[in-house]
N, C-alpha and C. Protein backbone atom coordinates (compact mmCIF):
# COMPACT_ATOMS: atom_id res chain seq x y z
N MET A 1 0.93 -1.04 -0.06
CA MET A 1 -0.11 -0.36 0.19
C MET A 1 0.78 1.07 0.06
N ASN A 2 0.86 2.02 -0.72
CA ASN A 2 1.26 3.23 -0.97
C ASN A 2 1.33 4.39 0.29
N PHE A 3 2.11 5.37 0.63
CA PHE A 3 1.77 6.37 1.84
C PHE A 3 0.44 7.03 1.80
N THR A 4 0.28 7.48 0.51
CA THR A 4 -0.88 8.43 0.47
C THR A 4 -2.22 7.55 1.02
N GLU A 5 -2.53 6.27 0.40
CA GLU A 5 -3.38 5.48 0.71
C GLU A 5 -3.31 4.92 2.03
N PHE A 6 -2.30 4.75 2.83
CA PHE A 6 -2.15 4.39 4.03
C PHE A 6 -2.53 5.47 4.94
N ILE A 7 -2.10 6.78 4.50
CA ILE A 7 -2.61 7.99 5.58
C ILE A 7 -3.92 8.11 5.65
N ARG A 8 -4.56 8.09 3.99
CA ARG A 8 -6.09 8.37 4.03
C ARG A 8 -6.92 7.32 5.12
N LYS A 9 -6.32 5.85 4.89
CA LYS A 9 -7.44 4.97 5.40
C LYS A 9 -7.09 5.21 7.19
N THR A 10 -5.50 5.46 7.56
CA THR A 10 -5.40 5.61 9.06
C THR A 10 -6.31 7.07 9.32
N ASP A 11 -6.35 8.19 8.66
CA ASP A 11 -7.26 9.09 8.98
C ASP A 11 -8.90 8.84 9.29
N LYS A 12 -9.19 8.15 8.12
CA LYS A 12 -10.48 7.77 8.07
C LYS A 12 -11.06 6.65 9.47
N ILE A 13 -9.89 6.06 9.86
CA ILE A 13 -10.32 5.08 10.92
C ILE A 13 -10.37 5.89 12.29
N ALA A 14 -9.47 6.71 12.21
CA ALA A 14 -9.17 7.64 13.50
C ALA A 14 -10.26 8.28 13.74
N GLU A 15 -10.72 9.03 12.66
CA GLU A 15 -11.69 10.14 12.93
C GLU A 15 -13.08 9.50 13.18
N SER A 16 -13.07 7.92 13.33
CA SER A 16 -14.61 7.55 13.61
C SER A 16 -14.43 6.84 14.89
N MET A 17 -13.01 6.90 15.33
CA MET A 17 -13.04 6.08 17.12
C MET A 17 -13.39 7.10 18.04
N PRO A 18 -13.70 6.70 19.20
CA PRO A 18 -13.92 7.53 20.72
C PRO A 18 -12.61 7.97 21.11
N PRO A 19 -12.43 8.85 21.43
CA PRO A 19 -11.18 9.31 22.41
C PRO A 19 -10.66 7.95 23.14
N GLU A 20 -11.34 7.38 23.96
CA GLU A 20 -10.98 6.30 24.76
C GLU A 20 -10.23 4.92 24.09
N ASN A 21 -10.94 4.78 22.86
CA ASN A 21 -10.27 3.74 22.03
C ASN A 21 -8.96 4.24 21.26
N LEU A 22 -8.78 5.74 20.88
CA LEU A 22 -7.49 6.04 20.23
C LEU A 22 -6.21 5.65 21.54
N ALA A 23 -6.74 6.32 22.85
CA ALA A 23 -5.98 6.18 23.90
C ALA A 23 -5.44 5.00 24.02
N ALA A 24 -6.40 3.96 23.97
CA ALA A 24 -6.08 2.27 24.14
C ALA A 24 -5.07 1.70 23.00
N PHE A 25 -5.45 2.24 21.75
CA PHE A 25 -4.46 1.97 20.77
C PHE A 25 -3.11 2.63 20.99
N LEU A 26 -3.06 3.71 21.15
CA LEU A 26 -1.96 4.40 21.71
C LEU A 26 -1.12 3.67 22.85
N HIS A 27 -1.67 3.42 23.93
CA HIS A 27 -1.09 2.34 24.86
C HIS A 27 -0.36 1.23 24.49
N ASP A 28 -1.29 0.38 23.61
CA ASP A 28 -0.85 -0.76 23.18
C ASP A 28 0.25 -0.64 22.03
N TYR A 29 0.30 0.48 21.18
CA TYR A 29 1.24 0.85 20.38
C TYR A 29 2.85 0.98 21.14
N ALA A 30 2.52 2.00 21.80
CA ALA A 30 3.72 2.51 23.00
C ALA A 30 4.23 1.08 23.68
N ARG A 31 3.42 0.17 23.81
CA ARG A 31 4.20 -1.40 24.31
C ARG A 31 5.12 -1.80 23.22
N SER A 32 4.93 -1.57 22.04
CA SER A 32 5.80 -2.16 20.94
C SER A 32 6.97 -1.24 20.54
N VAL A 33 7.11 -0.01 21.18
CA VAL A 33 8.09 0.92 20.71
C VAL A 33 9.50 0.15 21.30
N PRO A 34 10.53 -0.14 20.45
CA PRO A 34 11.81 -0.64 20.81
C PRO A 34 12.41 0.62 22.22
N GLU A 35 13.15 0.02 23.06
CA GLU A 35 13.94 0.87 23.85
C GLU A 35 14.42 1.78 23.27
N CYS A 36 15.34 1.64 22.37
CA CYS A 36 15.92 2.75 21.69
C CYS A 36 15.39 3.86 21.23
N LYS A 37 14.06 3.54 20.90
CA LYS A 37 13.28 4.78 20.03
C LYS A 37 12.06 5.13 21.08
N ARG A 38 12.18 4.79 22.40
CA ARG A 38 11.06 5.39 23.47
C ARG A 38 11.31 7.09 23.82
N GLU A 39 12.39 7.51 23.78
CA GLU A 39 12.73 8.78 24.12
C GLU A 39 12.02 9.79 22.71
N GLU A 40 12.38 9.14 21.75
CA GLU A 40 11.91 9.67 20.35
C GLU A 40 10.30 9.75 20.28
N PHE A 41 9.85 8.66 20.78
CA PHE A 41 8.37 8.37 20.95
C PHE A 41 7.62 9.31 21.73
N LEU A 42 8.22 9.60 22.71
CA LEU A 42 7.82 10.33 23.80
C LEU A 42 8.01 11.84 23.49
N GLU A 43 9.04 12.30 22.75
CA GLU A 43 8.98 13.74 22.25
C GLU A 43 7.95 14.10 21.14
N ARG A 44 7.65 13.11 20.21
CA ARG A 44 6.65 13.25 19.51
C ARG A 44 5.18 13.19 20.23
N LEU A 45 4.97 12.53 21.02
CA LEU A 45 3.86 12.31 21.87
C LEU A 45 3.70 13.92 22.44
N LEU A 46 4.80 14.38 23.26
CA LEU A 46 4.54 15.37 23.99
C LEU A 46 4.50 16.74 23.10
N SER A 47 4.84 16.62 21.73
CA SER A 47 4.93 17.82 20.71
C SER A 47 3.37 18.01 20.46
N PHE A 48 2.48 17.04 20.61
CA PHE A 48 0.89 17.29 20.39
C PHE A 48 0.27 17.54 21.60
N SER A 49 1.08 17.15 22.82
CA SER A 49 0.23 17.46 23.92
C SER A 49 0.21 18.65 24.28
N ASP A 50 0.44 19.69 23.64
CA ASP A 50 0.19 21.32 24.01
C ASP A 50 -0.18 22.05 22.98
N LYS A 51 -0.69 21.06 21.96
CA LYS A 51 -1.27 21.94 20.66
C LYS A 51 -2.61 21.60 20.48
N SER A 52 -3.37 22.72 20.00
CA SER A 52 -4.71 21.96 19.30
C SER A 52 -4.66 21.49 18.09
N VAL A 53 -5.28 20.67 17.88
CA VAL A 53 -5.10 19.83 16.52
C VAL A 53 -6.44 19.92 15.77
N ASP A 54 -6.26 20.40 14.59
CA ASP A 54 -7.54 20.38 13.81
C ASP A 54 -7.33 19.50 12.44
N TRP A 55 -8.65 18.98 11.99
CA TRP A 55 -8.52 18.31 10.45
C TRP A 55 -9.01 19.45 9.67
N ASN A 56 -8.13 19.47 8.54
CA ASN A 56 -8.44 20.42 7.47
C ASN A 56 -9.28 19.70 6.38
N ASN A 57 -9.88 20.12 5.38
CA ASN A 57 -10.37 19.38 4.26
C ASN A 57 -9.64 18.28 3.70
N ALA A 58 -8.48 18.59 3.55
CA ALA A 58 -7.89 17.64 3.09
C ALA A 58 -7.60 16.17 3.60
N GLY A 59 -7.93 16.14 5.09
CA GLY A 59 -7.86 14.93 5.97
C GLY A 59 -6.33 15.10 6.76
N ARG A 60 -5.68 16.22 6.56
CA ARG A 60 -4.28 16.13 7.19
C ARG A 60 -4.42 17.12 8.59
N LEU A 61 -3.59 16.63 9.56
CA LEU A 61 -3.44 17.29 10.73
C LEU A 61 -2.84 18.60 10.46
N ARG A 62 -3.30 19.81 11.05
CA ARG A 62 -2.98 21.07 11.12
C ARG A 62 -2.72 21.30 12.69
N ARG A 63 -1.64 21.40 13.27
CA ARG A 63 -1.03 21.75 14.60
C ARG A 63 -1.03 23.34 14.54
N SER A 64 -1.77 23.95 15.73
CA SER A 64 -1.63 25.27 15.74
C SER A 64 -1.52 25.37 17.41
N GLY A 65 -0.80 26.42 17.85
CA GLY A 65 -0.64 26.95 19.42
C GLY A 65 0.47 26.63 19.61
N GLY A 66 0.61 26.74 21.00
CA GLY A 66 1.85 26.32 21.72
C GLY A 66 2.83 27.04 21.31
């Protein structure tokens, strides 16, 4: 599957999920992050924690604030 199709499908699934399910997915995914990538993962997660995230018409994330 190419990148564009992958992102489109990911966005569609995520848009339909309740926040609790996304949090559960994130927790489950975090369990699979190799030790050498954990700091990077946490930095990326924190970069979204202090921003307002809105979906534009193209289905891409637009981060603002912070």
